């Protein structure tokens, strides 16, 4: 088994309150953008708002068709807002073919009229010998996936 992680820092040109409004919506939590032209079917999406202001969601995504179809359940937890206005978004998803799990924790903090995002991506691979190599390859995409997620927040915030 191999576990690896990386951290990505980004600035986001939106106030922290607007980001929070976006990331707790059903549009953000229960839908996906086109993924490299791959057909993704969503089902069984559930979003719950809790008394403390935190939000949890889970959604099943199926890619491919017929015998090659693969389904996975993504779980997301958006924390309650902290005293300083910060909050976090934690997402976990199993990797295809039961290779392991990928987890992402994003911490959003106010930085004047903009925001700062610290994204930590951790991958746990259950395959002996080559697990570290697989984890490293997945983590190579951490910056681009972080950038794509923040671009999605910008698009939804502009609506």
N, C-alpha and C. Protein backbone atom coordinates (compact mmCIF):
# COMPACT_ATOMS: atom_id res chain seq x y z
N UNK A 1 0.85 -1.17 0.00
CA UNK A 1 0.00 0.00 0.00
C UNK A 1 0.90 1.23 0.00
N UNK A 2 0.46 2.26 -0.73
CA UNK A 2 1.21 3.52 -0.79
C UNK A 2 0.26 4.68 -0.56
N UNK A 3 0.71 5.64 0.22
CA UNK A 3 -0.04 6.87 0.45
C UNK A 3 0.87 8.05 0.13
N UNK A 4 0.38 8.94 -0.71
CA UNK A 4 1.13 10.14 -1.07
C UNK A 4 0.18 11.32 -1.06
N UNK A 5 0.74 12.52 -0.86
CA UNK A 5 -0.09 13.73 -0.84
C UNK A 5 0.70 14.89 -1.41
N UNK A 6 -0.03 15.89 -1.86
CA UNK A 6 0.57 17.13 -2.33
C UNK A 6 -0.35 18.29 -1.98
N UNK A 7 0.21 19.48 -1.91
CA UNK A 7 -0.57 20.67 -1.58
C UNK A 7 -0.42 21.71 -2.68
N UNK A 8 -1.53 22.34 -3.04
CA UNK A 8 -1.57 23.37 -4.08
C UNK A 8 -2.17 24.62 -3.45
N UNK A 9 -1.52 25.77 -3.65
CA UNK A 9 -2.04 27.05 -3.16
C UNK A 9 -2.49 27.90 -4.34
N UNK A 10 -3.66 28.51 -4.21
CA UNK A 10 -4.18 29.37 -5.28
C UNK A 10 -4.90 30.56 -4.66
N UNK A 11 -4.95 31.65 -5.42
CA UNK A 11 -5.78 32.80 -5.09
C UNK A 11 -7.03 32.73 -5.95
N UNK A 12 -8.14 33.15 -5.40
CA UNK A 12 -9.40 33.14 -6.12
C UNK A 12 -9.99 34.54 -6.04
N UNK A 13 -10.31 35.11 -7.18
CA UNK A 13 -10.75 36.51 -7.26
C UNK A 13 -12.22 36.69 -6.91
N UNK A 14 -12.63 36.04 -5.83
CA UNK A 14 -14.00 36.16 -5.32
C UNK A 14 -13.95 36.31 -3.81
N UNK A 15 -14.90 37.06 -3.24
CA UNK A 15 -14.96 37.15 -1.78
C UNK A 15 -15.35 35.79 -1.18
N UNK A 16 -14.88 35.54 0.01
CA UNK A 16 -15.11 34.26 0.67
C UNK A 16 -16.59 33.92 0.80
N UNK A 17 -17.42 34.92 1.08
CA UNK A 17 -18.86 34.68 1.22
C UNK A 17 -19.49 34.18 -0.06
N UNK A 18 -19.06 34.71 -1.20
CA UNK A 18 -19.62 34.28 -2.50
C UNK A 18 -19.17 32.86 -2.82
N UNK A 19 -17.93 32.54 -2.50
CA UNK A 19 -17.44 31.18 -2.72
C UNK A 19 -18.28 30.20 -1.91
N UNK A 20 -18.51 30.53 -0.65
CA UNK A 20 -19.30 29.66 0.23
C UNK A 20 -20.71 29.46 -0.35
N UNK A 21 -21.33 30.55 -0.83
CA UNK A 21 -22.66 30.44 -1.43
C UNK A 21 -22.67 29.43 -2.57
N UNK A 22 -21.61 29.43 -3.38
CA UNK A 22 -21.53 28.53 -4.54
C UNK A 22 -21.30 27.09 -4.11
N UNK A 23 -20.33 26.84 -3.22
CA UNK A 23 -19.93 25.46 -2.94
C UNK A 23 -20.94 24.67 -2.12
N UNK A 24 -21.96 25.32 -1.58
CA UNK A 24 -22.99 24.57 -0.85
C UNK A 24 -24.23 24.32 -1.70
N UNK A 25 -24.23 24.79 -2.96
CA UNK A 25 -25.40 24.61 -3.82
C UNK A 25 -25.49 23.20 -4.38
N UNK A 26 -26.70 22.81 -4.76
CA UNK A 26 -26.88 21.53 -5.44
C UNK A 26 -26.14 21.53 -6.77
N UNK A 27 -26.14 22.66 -7.48
CA UNK A 27 -25.41 22.74 -8.74
C UNK A 27 -23.94 22.36 -8.56
N UNK A 28 -23.32 22.84 -7.52
CA UNK A 28 -21.91 22.54 -7.29
C UNK A 28 -21.71 21.12 -6.77
N UNK A 29 -22.51 20.71 -5.81
CA UNK A 29 -22.29 19.43 -5.13
C UNK A 29 -22.82 18.21 -5.88
N UNK A 30 -23.86 18.39 -6.69
CA UNK A 30 -24.52 17.22 -7.28
C UNK A 30 -24.49 17.18 -8.79
N UNK A 31 -23.71 18.04 -9.43
CA UNK A 31 -23.57 17.99 -10.88
C UNK A 31 -22.09 17.99 -11.24
N UNK A 32 -21.80 17.62 -12.48
CA UNK A 32 -20.41 17.64 -12.96
C UNK A 32 -20.37 18.38 -14.29
N UNK A 33 -19.19 18.91 -14.58
CA UNK A 33 -18.94 19.46 -15.90
C UNK A 33 -18.53 18.31 -16.81
N UNK A 34 -18.52 18.55 -18.13
CA UNK A 34 -18.02 17.53 -19.04
C UNK A 34 -16.59 17.16 -18.65
N UNK A 35 -16.31 15.88 -18.63
CA UNK A 35 -14.99 15.40 -18.24
C UNK A 35 -14.29 14.86 -19.48
N UNK A 36 -13.48 15.68 -20.10
CA UNK A 36 -12.70 15.28 -21.27
C UNK A 36 -13.55 14.56 -22.32
N UNK A 37 -14.77 15.02 -22.51
CA UNK A 37 -15.64 14.41 -23.50
C UNK A 37 -16.21 13.07 -23.08
N UNK A 38 -15.90 12.62 -21.87
CA UNK A 38 -16.39 11.35 -21.36
C UNK A 38 -17.82 11.53 -20.86
N UNK A 39 -18.66 10.57 -21.18
CA UNK A 39 -20.04 10.62 -20.72
C UNK A 39 -20.08 10.23 -19.24
N UNK A 40 -20.65 11.11 -18.43
CA UNK A 40 -20.80 10.84 -17.00
C UNK A 40 -22.28 10.93 -16.67
N UNK A 41 -22.81 9.87 -16.11
CA UNK A 41 -24.21 9.84 -15.69
C UNK A 41 -24.25 9.93 -14.17
N UNK A 42 -25.07 10.83 -13.67
CA UNK A 42 -25.19 10.99 -12.22
C UNK A 42 -26.52 10.43 -11.74
N UNK A 43 -26.49 9.84 -10.55
CA UNK A 43 -27.72 9.33 -9.95
C UNK A 43 -27.58 9.36 -8.44
N UNK A 44 -28.70 9.22 -7.78
CA UNK A 44 -28.72 9.12 -6.32
C UNK A 44 -28.02 10.26 -5.61
N UNK A 45 -28.15 11.47 -6.11
CA UNK A 45 -27.54 12.62 -5.45
C UNK A 45 -28.35 13.05 -4.24
N UNK A 46 -27.66 13.24 -3.13
CA UNK A 46 -28.31 13.66 -1.88
C UNK A 46 -27.47 14.78 -1.27
N UNK A 47 -28.15 15.85 -0.86
CA UNK A 47 -27.49 16.99 -0.21
C UNK A 47 -28.24 17.29 1.08
N UNK A 48 -27.49 17.44 2.18
CA UNK A 48 -28.11 17.73 3.47
C UNK A 48 -27.44 18.93 4.12
N UNK A 49 -28.27 19.86 4.62
CA UNK A 49 -27.77 21.01 5.37
C UNK A 49 -28.01 20.71 6.84
N UNK A 50 -26.97 20.84 7.65
CA UNK A 50 -27.05 20.51 9.07
C UNK A 50 -27.23 21.76 9.92
N UNK A 51 -27.67 21.56 11.16
CA UNK A 51 -27.97 22.67 12.07
C UNK A 51 -26.78 23.61 12.29
N UNK A 52 -25.57 23.07 12.26
CA UNK A 52 -24.38 23.90 12.50
C UNK A 52 -23.93 24.67 11.26
N UNK A 53 -24.65 24.49 10.14
CA UNK A 53 -24.29 25.19 8.90
C UNK A 53 -23.45 24.36 7.96
N UNK A 54 -22.99 23.21 8.42
CA UNK A 54 -22.22 22.35 7.52
C UNK A 54 -23.17 21.69 6.52
N UNK A 55 -22.60 21.24 5.42
CA UNK A 55 -23.38 20.61 4.35
C UNK A 55 -22.67 19.34 3.93
N UNK A 56 -23.42 18.25 3.77
CA UNK A 56 -22.85 17.01 3.25
C UNK A 56 -23.60 16.63 1.98
N UNK A 57 -22.89 15.93 1.11
CA UNK A 57 -23.51 15.49 -0.14
C UNK A 57 -22.85 14.20 -0.60
N UNK A 58 -23.61 13.39 -1.29
CA UNK A 58 -23.04 12.23 -1.96
C UNK A 58 -23.76 12.07 -3.29
N UNK A 59 -23.02 11.61 -4.27
CA UNK A 59 -23.58 11.42 -5.60
C UNK A 59 -22.86 10.25 -6.25
N UNK A 60 -23.62 9.45 -7.00
CA UNK A 60 -23.04 8.34 -7.73
C UNK A 60 -22.81 8.77 -9.17
N UNK A 61 -21.59 8.58 -9.64
CA UNK A 61 -21.23 8.92 -11.01
C UNK A 61 -20.85 7.64 -11.74
N UNK A 62 -21.41 7.46 -12.93
CA UNK A 62 -21.10 6.29 -13.74
C UNK A 62 -20.48 6.76 -15.04
N UNK A 63 -19.33 6.21 -15.37
CA UNK A 63 -18.67 6.52 -16.63
C UNK A 63 -18.63 5.27 -17.49
N UNK A 64 -18.65 5.47 -18.79
CA UNK A 64 -18.62 4.35 -19.71
C UNK A 64 -19.99 3.73 -19.86
N UNK A 65 -20.04 2.71 -20.71
CA UNK A 65 -21.32 2.04 -20.98
C UNK A 65 -21.12 0.53 -20.99
N UNK A 66 -22.22 -0.18 -20.79
CA UNK A 66 -22.20 -1.64 -20.86
C UNK A 66 -21.26 -2.25 -19.84
N UNK A 67 -20.49 -3.26 -20.30
CA UNK A 67 -19.58 -3.96 -19.40
C UNK A 67 -18.43 -3.10 -18.90
N UNK A 68 -18.10 -2.05 -19.64
CA UNK A 68 -16.99 -1.19 -19.23
C UNK A 68 -17.43 -0.06 -18.30
N UNK A 69 -18.73 -0.01 -17.99
CA UNK A 69 -19.24 1.05 -17.11
C UNK A 69 -18.66 0.88 -15.70
N UNK A 70 -18.28 2.01 -15.11
CA UNK A 70 -17.77 2.02 -13.75
C UNK A 70 -18.52 3.07 -12.94
N UNK A 71 -19.00 2.66 -11.77
CA UNK A 71 -19.73 3.59 -10.90
C UNK A 71 -18.89 3.86 -9.65
N UNK A 72 -18.97 5.09 -9.18
CA UNK A 72 -18.29 5.46 -7.94
C UNK A 72 -19.16 6.45 -7.19
N UNK A 73 -19.05 6.44 -5.88
CA UNK A 73 -19.81 7.37 -5.05
C UNK A 73 -18.84 8.40 -4.48
N UNK A 74 -19.12 9.66 -4.77
CA UNK A 74 -18.30 10.75 -4.23
C UNK A 74 -19.01 11.33 -3.02
N UNK A 75 -18.26 11.48 -1.93
CA UNK A 75 -18.79 12.08 -0.71
C UNK A 75 -18.11 13.43 -0.50
N UNK A 76 -18.90 14.44 -0.14
CA UNK A 76 -18.37 15.78 0.09
C UNK A 76 -18.92 16.32 1.40
N UNK A 77 -18.04 16.96 2.17
CA UNK A 77 -18.43 17.62 3.41
C UNK A 77 -17.93 19.06 3.36
N UNK A 78 -18.85 20.01 3.49
CA UNK A 78 -18.49 21.42 3.58
C UNK A 78 -18.66 21.81 5.04
N UNK A 79 -17.59 22.28 5.65
CA UNK A 79 -17.64 22.59 7.08
C UNK A 79 -18.50 23.82 7.35
N UNK A 80 -18.85 23.97 8.60
CA UNK A 80 -19.49 25.22 9.04
C UNK A 80 -18.45 26.33 8.90
N UNK A 81 -18.91 27.56 8.84
CA UNK A 81 -18.00 28.70 8.73
C UNK A 81 -17.34 28.94 10.08
N UNK A 82 -16.02 29.11 10.07
CA UNK A 82 -15.26 29.39 11.29
C UNK A 82 -15.40 30.87 11.65
N UNK A 83 -14.95 31.23 12.85
CA UNK A 83 -15.04 32.63 13.31
C UNK A 83 -14.35 33.61 12.38
N UNK A 84 -13.25 33.18 11.75
CA UNK A 84 -12.51 34.07 10.85
C UNK A 84 -13.08 34.07 9.42
N UNK A 85 -14.20 33.36 9.21
CA UNK A 85 -14.84 33.31 7.90
C UNK A 85 -14.37 32.16 7.03
N UNK A 86 -13.35 31.45 7.46
CA UNK A 86 -12.83 30.34 6.66
C UNK A 86 -13.75 29.13 6.75
N UNK A 87 -13.60 28.24 5.79
CA UNK A 87 -14.33 26.97 5.80
C UNK A 87 -13.55 25.98 4.95
N UNK A 88 -13.90 24.71 5.05
CA UNK A 88 -13.21 23.69 4.26
C UNK A 88 -14.21 22.84 3.50
N UNK A 89 -13.71 22.26 2.41
CA UNK A 89 -14.49 21.33 1.60
C UNK A 89 -13.66 20.05 1.48
N UNK A 90 -14.18 18.96 2.03
CA UNK A 90 -13.48 17.67 1.99
C UNK A 90 -14.25 16.74 1.06
N UNK A 91 -13.54 16.13 0.13
CA UNK A 91 -14.16 15.21 -0.83
C UNK A 91 -13.37 13.92 -0.86
N UNK A 92 -14.07 12.80 -0.86
CA UNK A 92 -13.40 11.51 -1.02
C UNK A 92 -14.11 10.72 -2.11
N UNK A 93 -13.30 9.99 -2.86
CA UNK A 93 -13.85 9.20 -3.96
C UNK A 93 -12.98 7.95 -4.14
N UNK A 94 -13.62 6.80 -4.36
CA UNK A 94 -12.82 5.60 -4.63
C UNK A 94 -12.24 5.68 -6.04
N UNK A 95 -11.09 5.10 -6.22
CA UNK A 95 -10.47 5.06 -7.54
C UNK A 95 -11.00 3.87 -8.33
N UNK A 96 -10.97 3.95 -9.65
CA UNK A 96 -11.48 2.85 -10.48
C UNK A 96 -10.79 1.52 -10.16
N UNK A 97 -11.49 0.45 -10.42
CA UNK A 97 -10.99 -0.92 -10.25
C UNK A 97 -10.51 -1.19 -8.83
N UNK A 98 -11.10 -0.49 -7.87
CA UNK A 98 -10.78 -0.69 -6.45
C UNK A 98 -9.29 -0.55 -6.15
N UNK A 99 -8.64 0.39 -6.86
CA UNK A 99 -7.21 0.63 -6.64
C UNK A 99 -6.93 1.30 -5.31
N UNK A 100 -7.88 2.10 -4.83
CA UNK A 100 -7.67 2.83 -3.60
C UNK A 100 -8.63 3.99 -3.49
N UNK A 101 -8.17 5.06 -2.85
CA UNK A 101 -9.03 6.22 -2.58
C UNK A 101 -8.25 7.51 -2.82
N UNK A 102 -8.97 8.51 -3.30
CA UNK A 102 -8.40 9.85 -3.41
C UNK A 102 -9.24 10.78 -2.55
N UNK A 103 -8.57 11.60 -1.75
CA UNK A 103 -9.26 12.56 -0.89
C UNK A 103 -8.69 13.94 -1.14
N UNK A 104 -9.56 14.93 -1.16
CA UNK A 104 -9.16 16.31 -1.36
C UNK A 104 -9.72 17.15 -0.23
N UNK A 105 -8.86 17.95 0.39
CA UNK A 105 -9.30 18.88 1.42
C UNK A 105 -8.92 20.29 0.99
N UNK A 106 -9.91 21.14 0.81
CA UNK A 106 -9.67 22.52 0.41
C UNK A 106 -10.06 23.44 1.56
N UNK A 107 -9.13 24.32 1.93
CA UNK A 107 -9.40 25.30 2.98
C UNK A 107 -9.46 26.67 2.31
N UNK A 108 -10.59 27.34 2.45
CA UNK A 108 -10.82 28.66 1.86
C UNK A 108 -10.71 29.71 2.95
N UNK A 109 -9.88 30.73 2.70
CA UNK A 109 -9.69 31.83 3.67
C UNK A 109 -9.82 33.16 2.95
N UNK A 110 -10.37 34.14 3.65
CA UNK A 110 -10.47 35.49 3.08
C UNK A 110 -9.08 36.09 2.98
N UNK A 111 -8.87 36.85 1.91
CA UNK A 111 -7.62 37.60 1.70
C UNK A 111 -8.02 38.94 1.10
N UNK A 112 -8.46 39.85 1.96
CA UNK A 112 -9.01 41.12 1.48
C UNK A 112 -10.33 40.86 0.78
N UNK A 113 -10.49 41.40 -0.43
CA UNK A 113 -11.70 41.19 -1.21
C UNK A 113 -11.66 39.89 -1.99
N UNK A 114 -10.55 39.19 -1.92
CA UNK A 114 -10.38 37.92 -2.62
C UNK A 114 -10.25 36.80 -1.60
N UNK A 115 -9.88 35.62 -2.08
CA UNK A 115 -9.74 34.48 -1.18
C UNK A 115 -8.50 33.68 -1.54
N UNK A 116 -8.05 32.94 -0.57
CA UNK A 116 -6.89 32.06 -0.74
C UNK A 116 -7.37 30.64 -0.51
N UNK A 117 -6.92 29.72 -1.36
CA UNK A 117 -7.35 28.33 -1.26
C UNK A 117 -6.11 27.44 -1.10
N UNK A 118 -6.15 26.61 -0.08
CA UNK A 118 -5.10 25.61 0.11
C UNK A 118 -5.73 24.24 -0.13
N UNK A 119 -5.27 23.57 -1.18
CA UNK A 119 -5.81 22.27 -1.54
C UNK A 119 -4.79 21.19 -1.23
N UNK A 120 -5.17 20.21 -0.45
CA UNK A 120 -4.32 19.05 -0.20
C UNK A 120 -5.00 17.84 -0.81
N UNK A 121 -4.28 17.18 -1.70
CA UNK A 121 -4.80 15.97 -2.35
C UNK A 121 -3.99 14.80 -1.83
N UNK A 122 -4.68 13.79 -1.32
CA UNK A 122 -4.02 12.58 -0.82
C UNK A 122 -4.56 11.38 -1.57
N UNK A 123 -3.66 10.48 -1.93
CA UNK A 123 -4.04 9.27 -2.65
C UNK A 123 -3.51 8.07 -1.89
N UNK A 124 -4.39 7.10 -1.69
CA UNK A 124 -3.99 5.84 -1.07
C UNK A 124 -4.24 4.74 -2.08
N UNK A 125 -3.19 4.00 -2.42
CA UNK A 125 -3.29 2.93 -3.42
C UNK A 125 -3.04 1.60 -2.72
N UNK A 126 -3.92 0.63 -2.99
CA UNK A 126 -3.85 -0.67 -2.35
C UNK A 126 -3.04 -1.69 -3.14
N UNK A 127 -2.35 -1.27 -4.17
CA UNK A 127 -1.61 -2.20 -5.02
C UNK A 127 -0.15 -2.24 -4.57
N UNK A 128 0.35 -3.42 -4.18
CA UNK A 128 1.73 -3.49 -3.75
C UNK A 128 2.70 -3.23 -4.91
N UNK A 129 3.88 -2.89 -4.61
CA UNK A 129 5.00 -2.66 -5.51
C UNK A 129 4.84 -1.41 -6.36
N UNK A 130 3.78 -1.31 -7.17
CA UNK A 130 3.62 -0.16 -8.08
C UNK A 130 2.70 0.92 -7.51
N UNK A 131 2.22 0.74 -6.28
CA UNK A 131 1.29 1.70 -5.69
C UNK A 131 1.83 3.11 -5.63
N UNK A 132 3.10 3.26 -5.25
CA UNK A 132 3.69 4.60 -5.15
C UNK A 132 3.74 5.28 -6.51
N UNK A 133 4.03 4.53 -7.55
CA UNK A 133 4.10 5.09 -8.90
C UNK A 133 2.71 5.52 -9.38
N UNK A 134 1.70 4.72 -9.09
CA UNK A 134 0.32 5.07 -9.46
C UNK A 134 -0.12 6.33 -8.71
N UNK A 135 0.17 6.38 -7.42
CA UNK A 135 -0.20 7.55 -6.60
C UNK A 135 0.47 8.81 -7.13
N UNK A 136 1.75 8.71 -7.46
CA UNK A 136 2.48 9.87 -7.98
C UNK A 136 1.87 10.35 -9.30
N UNK A 137 1.49 9.43 -10.15
CA UNK A 137 0.88 9.80 -11.43
C UNK A 137 -0.45 10.53 -11.21
N UNK A 138 -1.25 10.06 -10.28
CA UNK A 138 -2.53 10.72 -9.98
C UNK A 138 -2.27 12.12 -9.43
N UNK A 139 -1.29 12.24 -8.54
CA UNK A 139 -1.00 13.54 -7.94
C UNK A 139 -0.41 14.54 -8.94
N UNK A 140 0.14 14.05 -10.04
CA UNK A 140 0.64 14.96 -11.09
C UNK A 140 -0.47 15.87 -11.60
N UNK A 141 -1.72 15.43 -11.50
CA UNK A 141 -2.85 16.23 -11.97
C UNK A 141 -3.46 17.13 -10.92
N UNK A 142 -2.87 17.22 -9.74
CA UNK A 142 -3.47 18.00 -8.64
C UNK A 142 -3.61 19.47 -8.99
N UNK A 143 -2.60 20.07 -9.61
CA UNK A 143 -2.69 21.49 -9.94
C UNK A 143 -3.77 21.75 -10.98
N UNK A 144 -3.80 20.94 -12.04
CA UNK A 144 -4.80 21.18 -13.09
C UNK A 144 -6.21 20.90 -12.59
N UNK A 145 -6.39 19.89 -11.73
CA UNK A 145 -7.74 19.63 -11.22
C UNK A 145 -8.17 20.72 -10.24
N UNK A 146 -7.22 21.25 -9.46
CA UNK A 146 -7.54 22.38 -8.58
C UNK A 146 -7.96 23.58 -9.41
N UNK A 147 -7.19 23.89 -10.45
CA UNK A 147 -7.52 25.02 -11.32
C UNK A 147 -8.88 24.84 -11.99
N UNK A 148 -9.19 23.62 -12.42
CA UNK A 148 -10.49 23.36 -13.05
C UNK A 148 -11.63 23.54 -12.05
N UNK A 149 -11.43 23.09 -10.82
CA UNK A 149 -12.45 23.27 -9.78
C UNK A 149 -12.70 24.73 -9.46
N UNK A 150 -11.63 25.52 -9.40
CA UNK A 150 -11.79 26.94 -9.11
C UNK A 150 -12.43 27.67 -10.29
N UNK A 151 -12.12 27.24 -11.51
CA UNK A 151 -12.77 27.82 -12.69
C UNK A 151 -14.26 27.52 -12.66
N UNK A 152 -14.62 26.34 -12.20
CA UNK A 152 -16.04 25.98 -12.07
C UNK A 152 -16.73 26.87 -11.05
N UNK A 153 -16.08 27.14 -9.93
CA UNK A 153 -16.64 28.05 -8.92
C UNK A 153 -16.86 29.42 -9.54
N UNK A 154 -15.88 29.92 -10.30
CA UNK A 154 -16.03 31.23 -10.95
C UNK A 154 -17.23 31.25 -11.90
N UNK A 155 -17.37 30.18 -12.70
CA UNK A 155 -18.51 30.11 -13.64
C UNK A 155 -19.84 30.12 -12.91
N UNK A 156 -19.95 29.31 -11.86
CA UNK A 156 -21.20 29.26 -11.11
C UNK A 156 -21.47 30.57 -10.38
N UNK A 157 -20.42 31.23 -9.91
CA UNK A 157 -20.59 32.51 -9.20
C UNK A 157 -21.05 33.61 -10.15
N UNK A 158 -20.73 33.48 -11.43
CA UNK A 158 -21.09 34.51 -12.41
C UNK A 158 -22.55 34.41 -12.85
N UNK A 159 -23.23 33.35 -12.49
CA UNK A 159 -24.64 33.17 -12.90
C UNK A 159 -25.54 34.17 -12.23
